[in-house]
Amino acid sequence: MTLPSVNIEAIPLKLKLKTTIRHDSATRNEGKSVWVCADRNGYSGYGEGCPRVHVAGDELESSIRWIWKNFQTGRRVS
């Protein structure tokens, strides 16, 4: 049995923070996240990814490109 394709949509979120966040690795006053919606067969799921250059070397833009590259065709994922 073949499962229906999954549609993946990724949207960058950039929000101004009320305060500046400081820690050993970085200081920032803007939140950057990836909002993801996956739907298949009438069911939807939502999630958020928080790429951080100073933690894992991931940037918001490269994370979005990776999602589009790997899921733009709506290929089936398990």
PDB file of N, CA and C in Angstrom:
ATOM      1  N   MET A   1       0.835  -1.179   0.000  1.00  0.00           N
ATOM      2  CA  MET A   1       0.000   0.000   0.000  1.00  0.00           C
ATOM      3  C   MET A   1       0.880   1.243   0.000  1.00  0.00           C
ATOM      4  N   THR A   2       0.593   2.168  -0.885  1.00  0.00           N
ATOM      5  CA  THR A   2       1.357   3.407  -0.979  1.00  0.00           C
ATOM      6  C   THR A   2       0.692   4.493  -0.140  1.00  0.00           C
ATOM      7  N   LEU A   3       1.481   5.115   0.708  1.00  0.00           N
ATOM      8  CA  LEU A   3       0.967   6.218   1.518  1.00  0.00           C
ATOM      9  C   LEU A   3       0.871   7.481   0.677  1.00  0.00           C
ATOM     10  N   PRO A   4      -0.114   8.348   0.950  1.00  0.00           N
ATOM     11  CA  PRO A   4      -0.189   9.624   0.233  1.00  0.00           C
ATOM     12  C   PRO A   4       1.030  10.494   0.546  1.00  0.00           C
ATOM     13  N   SER A   5       1.346  11.382  -0.375  1.00  0.00           N
ATOM     14  CA  SER A   5       2.467  12.297  -0.167  1.00  0.00           C
ATOM     15  C   SER A   5       2.210  13.222   1.016  1.00  0.00           C
ATOM     16  N   VAL A   6       3.295  13.697   1.582  1.00  0.00           N
ATOM     17  CA  VAL A   6       3.233  14.676   2.661  1.00  0.00           C
ATOM     18  C   VAL A   6       3.545  16.039   2.071  1.00  0.00           C
ATOM     19  N   ASN A   7       2.724  17.024   2.389  1.00  0.00           N
ATOM     20  CA  ASN A   7       2.992  18.393   1.984  1.00  0.00           C
ATOM     21  C   ASN A   7       3.662  19.097   3.157  1.00  0.00           C
ATOM     22  N   ILE A   8       4.849  19.626   2.933  1.00  0.00           N
ATOM     23  CA  ILE A   8       5.603  20.318   3.980  1.00  0.00           C
ATOM     24  C   ILE A   8       5.713  21.793   3.603  1.00  0.00           C
ATOM     25  N   GLU A   9       5.346  22.663   4.525  1.00  0.00           N
ATOM     26  CA  GLU A   9       5.492  24.106   4.315  1.00  0.00           C
ATOM     27  C   GLU A   9       6.350  24.650   5.445  1.00  0.00           C
ATOM     28  N   ALA A  10       7.373  25.416   5.093  1.00  0.00           N
ATOM     29  CA  ALA A  10       8.265  26.010   6.087  1.00  0.00           C
ATOM     30  C   ALA A  10       8.267  27.519   5.935  1.00  0.00           C
ATOM     31  N   ILE A  11       8.046  28.211   7.038  1.00  0.00           N
ATOM     32  CA  ILE A  11       7.950  29.666   7.023  1.00  0.00           C
ATOM     33  C   ILE A  11       8.939  30.235   8.048  1.00  0.00           C
ATOM     34  N   PRO A  12       9.790  31.173   7.639  1.00  0.00           N
ATOM     35  CA  PRO A  12      10.693  31.782   8.609  1.00  0.00           C
ATOM     36  C   PRO A  12       9.935  32.740   9.523  1.00  0.00           C
ATOM     37  N   LEU A  13      10.251  32.700  10.802  1.00  0.00           N
ATOM     38  CA  LEU A  13       9.678  33.632  11.779  1.00  0.00           C
ATOM     39  C   LEU A  13      10.801  34.477  12.358  1.00  0.00           C
ATOM     40  N   LYS A  14      10.639  35.767  12.316  1.00  0.00           N
ATOM     41  CA  LYS A  14      11.597  36.686  12.928  1.00  0.00           C
ATOM     42  C   LYS A  14      10.797  37.648  13.793  1.00  0.00           C
ATOM     43  N   LEU A  15      11.001  37.558  15.083  1.00  0.00           N
ATOM     44  CA  LEU A  15      10.246  38.375  16.026  1.00  0.00           C
ATOM     45  C   LEU A  15      11.183  39.184  16.904  1.00  0.00           C
ATOM     46  N   LYS A  16      10.864  40.436  17.090  1.00  0.00           N
ATOM     47  CA  LYS A  16      11.633  41.295  17.991  1.00  0.00           C
ATOM     48  C   LYS A  16      11.353  40.868  19.432  1.00  0.00           C
ATOM     49  N   LEU A  17      12.401  40.645  20.201  1.00  0.00           N
ATOM     50  CA  LEU A  17      12.248  40.271  21.607  1.00  0.00           C
ATOM     51  C   LEU A  17      12.088  41.517  22.480  1.00  0.00           C
ATOM     52  N   LYS A  18      11.382  41.381  23.581  1.00  0.00           N
ATOM     53  CA  LYS A  18      11.188  42.518  24.497  1.00  0.00           C
ATOM     54  C   LYS A  18      12.475  42.887  25.213  1.00  0.00           C
ATOM     55  N   THR A  19      13.319  41.893  25.434  1.00  0.00           N
ATOM     56  CA  THR A  19      14.598  42.145  26.095  1.00  0.00           C
ATOM     57  C   THR A  19      15.718  41.495  25.292  1.00  0.00           C
ATOM     58  N   THR A  20      16.925  41.902  25.549  1.00  0.00           N
ATOM     59  CA  THR A  20      18.092  41.299  24.914  1.00  0.00           C
ATOM     60  C   THR A  20      18.493  40.058  25.697  1.00  0.00           C
ATOM     61  N   ILE A  21      18.733  38.979  24.964  1.00  0.00           N
ATOM     62  CA  ILE A  21      19.149  37.709  25.573  1.00  0.00           C
ATOM     63  C   ILE A  21      20.667  37.619  25.462  1.00  0.00           C
ATOM     64  N   ARG A  22      21.317  37.389  26.591  1.00  0.00           N
ATOM     65  CA  ARG A  22      22.775  37.276  26.611  1.00  0.00           C
ATOM     66  C   ARG A  22      23.181  35.974  27.289  1.00  0.00           C
ATOM     67  N   HIS A  23      24.147  35.301  26.685  1.00  0.00           N
ATOM     68  CA  HIS A  23      24.788  34.161  27.334  1.00  0.00           C
ATOM     69  C   HIS A  23      26.178  34.012  26.745  1.00  0.00           C
ATOM     70  N   ASP A  24      26.911  33.000  27.177  1.00  0.00           N
ATOM     71  CA  ASP A  24      28.310  32.870  26.783  1.00  0.00           C
ATOM     72  C   ASP A  24      28.543  32.865  25.273  1.00  0.00           C
ATOM     73  N   SER A  25      27.616  32.259  24.511  1.00  0.00           N
ATOM     74  CA  SER A  25      27.834  32.079  23.082  1.00  0.00           C
ATOM     75  C   SER A  25      27.344  33.231  22.207  1.00  0.00           C
ATOM     76  N   ALA A  26      26.358  33.980  22.679  1.00  0.00           N
ATOM     77  CA  ALA A  26      25.772  34.999  21.800  1.00  0.00           C
ATOM     78  C   ALA A  26      24.914  35.987  22.579  1.00  0.00           C
ATOM     79  N   THR A  27      24.644  37.095  21.927  1.00  0.00           N
ATOM     80  CA  THR A  27      23.702  38.097  22.422  1.00  0.00           C
ATOM     81  C   THR A  27      22.745  38.388  21.281  1.00  0.00           C
ATOM     82  N   ARG A  28      21.450  38.408  21.592  1.00  0.00           N
ATOM     83  CA  ARG A  28      20.481  38.670  20.528  1.00  0.00           C
ATOM     84  C   ARG A  28      19.252  39.370  21.072  1.00  0.00           C
ATOM     85  N   ASN A  29      18.600  40.136  20.191  1.00  0.00           N
ATOM     86  CA  ASN A  29      17.357  40.808  20.556  1.00  0.00           C
ATOM     87  C   ASN A  29      16.241  40.488  19.562  1.00  0.00           C
ATOM     88  N   GLU A  30      16.472  39.442  18.766  1.00  0.00           N
ATOM     89  CA  GLU A  30      15.486  38.994  17.796  1.00  0.00           C
ATOM     90  C   GLU A  30      15.394  37.469  17.860  1.00  0.00           C
ATOM     91  N   GLY A  31      14.177  36.957  17.866  1.00  0.00           N
ATOM     92  CA  GLY A  31      13.966  35.521  17.824  1.00  0.00           C
ATOM     93  C   GLY A  31      13.853  35.077  16.377  1.00  0.00           C
ATOM     94  N   LYS A  32      14.547  34.017  16.023  1.00  0.00           N
ATOM     95  CA  LYS A  32      14.489  33.471  14.668  1.00  0.00           C
ATOM     96  C   LYS A  32      14.151  31.995  14.764  1.00  0.00           C
ATOM     97  N   SER A  33      13.049  31.610  14.122  1.00  0.00           N
ATOM     98  CA  SER A  33      12.597  30.228  14.146  1.00  0.00           C
ATOM     99  C   SER A  33      12.053  29.844  12.779  1.00  0.00           C
ATOM    100  N   VAL A  34      11.860  28.547  12.598  1.00  0.00           N
ATOM    101  CA  VAL A  34      11.231  28.015  11.401  1.00  0.00           C
ATOM    102  C   VAL A  34       9.902  27.411  11.836  1.00  0.00           C
ATOM    103  N   TRP A  35       8.807  27.892  11.269  1.00  0.00           N
ATOM    104  CA  TRP A  35       7.473  27.349  11.543  1.00  0.00           C
ATOM    105  C   TRP A  35       7.175  26.357  10.424  1.00  0.00           C
ATOM    106  N   VAL A  36       6.834  25.121  10.794  1.00  0.00           N
ATOM    107  CA  VAL A  36       6.614  24.067   9.811  1.00  0.00           C
ATOM    108  C   VAL A  36       5.213  23.500   9.947  1.00  0.00           C
ATOM    109  N   CYS A  37       4.549  23.325   8.805  1.00  0.00           N
ATOM    110  CA  CYS A  37       3.252  22.664   8.752  1.00  0.00           C
ATOM    111  C   CYS A  37       3.395  21.459   7.831  1.00  0.00           C
ATOM    112  N   ALA A  38       3.000  20.303   8.320  1.00  0.00           N
ATOM    113  CA  ALA A  38       3.003  19.082   7.509  1.00  0.00           C
ATOM    114  C   ALA A  38       1.579  18.575   7.436  1.00  0.00           C
ATOM    115  N   ASP A  39       1.136  18.250   6.222  1.00  0.00           N
ATOM    116  CA  ASP A  39      -0.199  17.661   6.150  1.00  0.00           C
ATOM    117  C   ASP A  39      -0.213  16.492   5.174  1.00  0.00           C
ATOM    118  N   ARG A  40      -1.012  15.526   5.531  1.00  0.00           N
ATOM    119  CA  ARG A  40      -1.181  14.318   4.740  1.00  0.00           C
ATOM    120  C   ARG A  40      -2.582  13.781   4.977  1.00  0.00           C
ATOM    121  N   ASN A  41      -3.260  13.507   3.898  1.00  0.00           N
ATOM    122  CA  ASN A  41      -4.536  12.806   3.983  1.00  0.00           C
ATOM    123  C   ASN A  41      -5.545  13.509   4.895  1.00  0.00           C
ATOM    124  N   GLY A  42      -5.547  14.855   4.875  1.00  0.00           N
ATOM    125  CA  GLY A  42      -6.509  15.612   5.664  1.00  0.00           C
ATOM    126  C   GLY A  42      -6.090  15.898   7.095  1.00  0.00           C
ATOM    127  N   TYR A  43      -4.943  15.410   7.512  1.00  0.00           N
ATOM    128  CA  TYR A  43      -4.445  15.666   8.866  1.00  0.00           C
ATOM    129  C   TYR A  43      -3.253  16.617   8.786  1.00  0.00           C
ATOM    130  N   SER A  44      -3.182  17.547   9.728  1.00  0.00           N
ATOM    131  CA  SER A  44      -2.091  18.522   9.753  1.00  0.00           C
ATOM    132  C   SER A  44      -1.363  18.475  11.082  1.00  0.00           C
ATOM    133  N   GLY A  45      -0.083  18.755  11.014  1.00  0.00           N
ATOM    134  CA  GLY A  45       0.733  18.871  12.216  1.00  0.00           C
ATOM    135  C   GLY A  45       1.611  20.104  12.087  1.00  0.00           C
ATOM    136  N   TYR A  46       1.914  20.724  13.196  1.00  0.00           N
ATOM    137  CA  TYR A  46       2.700  21.953  13.205  1.00  0.00           C
ATOM    138  C   TYR A  46       3.878  21.802  14.157  1.00  0.00           C
ATOM    139  N   GLY A  47       4.960  22.474  13.838  1.00  0.00           N
ATOM    140  CA  GLY A  47       6.125  22.422  14.699  1.00  0.00           C
ATOM    141  C   GLY A  47       7.004  23.641  14.478  1.00  0.00           C
ATOM    142  N   GLU A  48       7.977  23.762  15.325  1.00  0.00           N
ATOM    143  CA  GLU A  48       8.901  24.890  15.255  1.00  0.00           C
ATOM    144  C   GLU A  48      10.322  24.376  15.392  1.00  0.00           C
ATOM    145  N   GLY A  49      11.202  24.904  14.564  1.00  0.00           N
ATOM    146  CA  GLY A  49      12.624  24.623  14.683  1.00  0.00           C
ATOM    147  C   GLY A  49      13.336  25.901  15.040  1.00  0.00           C
ATOM    148  N   CYS A  50      14.354  25.795  15.851  1.00  0.00           N
ATOM    149  CA  CYS A  50      15.093  26.978  16.302  1.00  0.00           C
ATOM    150  C   CYS A  50      16.569  26.836  15.941  1.00  0.00           C
ATOM    151  N   PRO A  51      16.923  27.059  14.675  1.00  0.00           N
ATOM    152  CA  PRO A  51      18.334  26.959  14.297  1.00  0.00           C
ATOM    153  C   PRO A  51      19.152  28.062  14.962  1.00  0.00           C
ATOM    154  N   ARG A  52      20.294  27.687  15.488  1.00  0.00           N
ATOM    155  CA  ARG A  52      21.174  28.652  16.160  1.00  0.00           C
ATOM    156  C   ARG A  52      22.608  28.467  15.674  1.00  0.00           C
ATOM    157  N   VAL A  53      23.152  29.500  15.060  1.00  0.00           N
ATOM    158  CA  VAL A  53      24.526  29.460  14.572  1.00  0.00           C
ATOM    159  C   VAL A  53      25.489  29.198  15.718  1.00  0.00           C
ATOM    160  N   HIS A  54      25.278  29.859  16.844  1.00  0.00           N
ATOM    161  CA  HIS A  54      26.211  29.754  17.963  1.00  0.00           C
ATOM    162  C   HIS A  54      26.095  28.437  18.712  1.00  0.00           C
ATOM    163  N   VAL A  55      25.086  27.621  18.427  1.00  0.00           N
ATOM    164  CA  VAL A  55      24.922  26.329  19.111  1.00  0.00           C
ATOM    165  C   VAL A  55      25.339  25.183  18.192  1.00  0.00           C
ATOM    166  N   ALA A  56      24.707  25.100  17.014  1.00  0.00           N
ATOM    167  CA  ALA A  56      24.960  23.959  16.131  1.00  0.00           C
ATOM    168  C   ALA A  56      25.445  24.372  14.737  1.00  0.00           C
ATOM    169  N   GLY A  57      25.630  25.676  14.520  1.00  0.00           N
ATOM    170  CA  GLY A  57      26.094  26.147  13.223  1.00  0.00           C
ATOM    171  C   GLY A  57      24.996  26.282  12.183  1.00  0.00           C
ATOM    172  N   ASP A  58      23.740  26.133  12.591  1.00  0.00           N
ATOM    173  CA  ASP A  58      22.616  26.225  11.654  1.00  0.00           C
ATOM    174  C   ASP A  58      22.081  27.647  11.593  1.00  0.00           C
ATOM    175  N   GLU A  59      21.846  28.130  10.376  1.00  0.00           N
ATOM    176  CA  GLU A  59      21.260  29.450  10.179  1.00  0.00           C
ATOM    177  C   GLU A  59      19.818  29.300   9.723  1.00  0.00           C
ATOM    178  N   LEU A  60      19.012  30.300   9.965  1.00  0.00           N
ATOM    179  CA  LEU A  60      17.603  30.272   9.586  1.00  0.00           C
ATOM    180  C   LEU A  60      17.440  30.039   8.082  1.00  0.00           C
ATOM    181  N   GLU A  61      18.146  30.809   7.271  1.00  0.00           N
ATOM    182  CA  GLU A  61      17.997  30.716   5.820  1.00  0.00           C
ATOM    183  C   GLU A  61      18.442  29.361   5.286  1.00  0.00           C
ATOM    184  N   SER A  62      19.553  28.833   5.781  1.00  0.00           N
ATOM    185  CA  SER A  62      20.020  27.526   5.296  1.00  0.00           C
ATOM    186  C   SER A  62      19.088  26.406   5.752  1.00  0.00           C
ATOM    187  N   SER A  63      18.473  26.558   6.908  1.00  0.00           N
ATOM    188  CA  SER A  63      17.512  25.562   7.382  1.00  0.00           C
ATOM    189  C   SER A  63      16.265  25.546   6.506  1.00  0.00           C
ATOM    190  N   ILE A  64      15.773  26.723   6.123  1.00  0.00           N
ATOM    191  CA  ILE A  64      14.626  26.824   5.219  1.00  0.00           C
ATOM    192  C   ILE A  64      14.966  26.200   3.864  1.00  0.00           C
ATOM    193  N   ARG A  65      16.153  26.510   3.333  1.00  0.00           N
ATOM    194  CA  ARG A  65      16.563  25.941   2.048  1.00  0.00           C
ATOM    195  C   ARG A  65      16.626  24.425   2.116  1.00  0.00           C
ATOM    196  N   TRP A  66      17.137  23.873   3.216  1.00  0.00           N
ATOM    197  CA  TRP A  66      17.223  22.428   3.384  1.00  0.00           C
ATOM    198  C   TRP A  66      15.831  21.799   3.355  1.00  0.00           C
ATOM    199  N   ILE A  67      14.879  22.407   4.037  1.00  0.00           N
ATOM    200  CA  ILE A  67      13.505  21.886   4.048  1.00  0.00           C
ATOM    201  C   ILE A  67      12.926  21.932   2.644  1.00  0.00           C
ATOM    202  N   TRP A  68      13.053  23.074   1.956  1.00  0.00           N
ATOM    203  CA  TRP A  68      12.514  23.199   0.598  1.00  0.00           C
ATOM    204  C   TRP A  68      13.156  22.183  -0.343  1.00  0.00           C
ATOM    205  N   LYS A  69      14.467  22.011  -0.219  1.00  0.00           N
ATOM    206  CA  LYS A  69      15.187  21.077  -1.093  1.00  0.00           C
ATOM    207  C   LYS A  69      14.707  19.643  -0.869  1.00  0.00           C
ATOM    208  N   ASN A  70      14.515  19.263   0.360  1.00  0.00           N
ATOM    209  CA  ASN A  70      14.194  17.876   0.674  1.00  0.00           C
ATOM    210  C   ASN A  70      12.702  17.557   0.638  1.00  0.00           C
ATOM    211  N   PHE A  71      11.852  18.551   0.714  1.00  0.00           N
ATOM    212  CA  PHE A  71      10.419  18.283   0.805  1.00  0.00           C
ATOM    213  C   PHE A  71       9.565  19.048  -0.190  1.00  0.00           C
ATOM    214  N   GLN A  72      10.143  19.806  -1.105  1.00  0.00           N
ATOM    215  CA  GLN A  72       9.354  20.623  -2.017  1.00  0.00           C
ATOM    216  C   GLN A  72       8.476  19.802  -2.942  1.00  0.00           C
ATOM    217  N   THR A  73       8.832  18.568  -3.203  1.00  0.00           N
ATOM    218  CA  THR A  73       8.046  17.753  -4.125  1.00  0.00           C
ATOM    219  C   THR A  73       6.908  17.033  -3.421  1.00  0.00           C
ATOM    220  N   GLY A  74       6.790  17.216  -2.125  1.00  0.00           N
ATOM    221  CA  GLY A  74       5.751  16.518  -1.377  1.00  0.00           C
ATOM    222  C   GLY A  74       6.020  15.035  -1.303  1.00  0.00           C
ATOM    223  N   ARG A  75       7.283  14.641  -1.356  1.00  0.00           N
ATOM    224  CA  ARG A  75       7.606  13.219  -1.341  1.00  0.00           C
ATOM    225  C   ARG A  75       7.152  12.578  -0.038  1.00  0.00           C
ATOM    226  N   ARG A  76       6.943  11.318  -0.074  1.00  0.00           N
ATOM    227  CA  ARG A  76       6.480  10.584   1.084  1.00  0.00           C
ATOM    228  C   ARG A  76       7.618  10.452   2.094  1.00  0.00           C
ATOM    229  N   VAL A  77       7.312  10.730   3.338  1.00  0.00           N
ATOM    230  CA  VAL A  77       8.260  10.514   4.423  1.00  0.00           C
ATOM    231  C   VAL A  77       7.593   9.657   5.475  1.00  0.00           C
ATOM    232  N   SER A  78       8.375   8.911   6.206  1.00  0.00           N
ATOM    233  CA  SER A  78       7.798   8.031   7.240  1.00  0.00           C
ATOM    234  C   SER A  78       7.973   8.624   8.610  1.00  0.00           C
TER     235      SER A  78
END
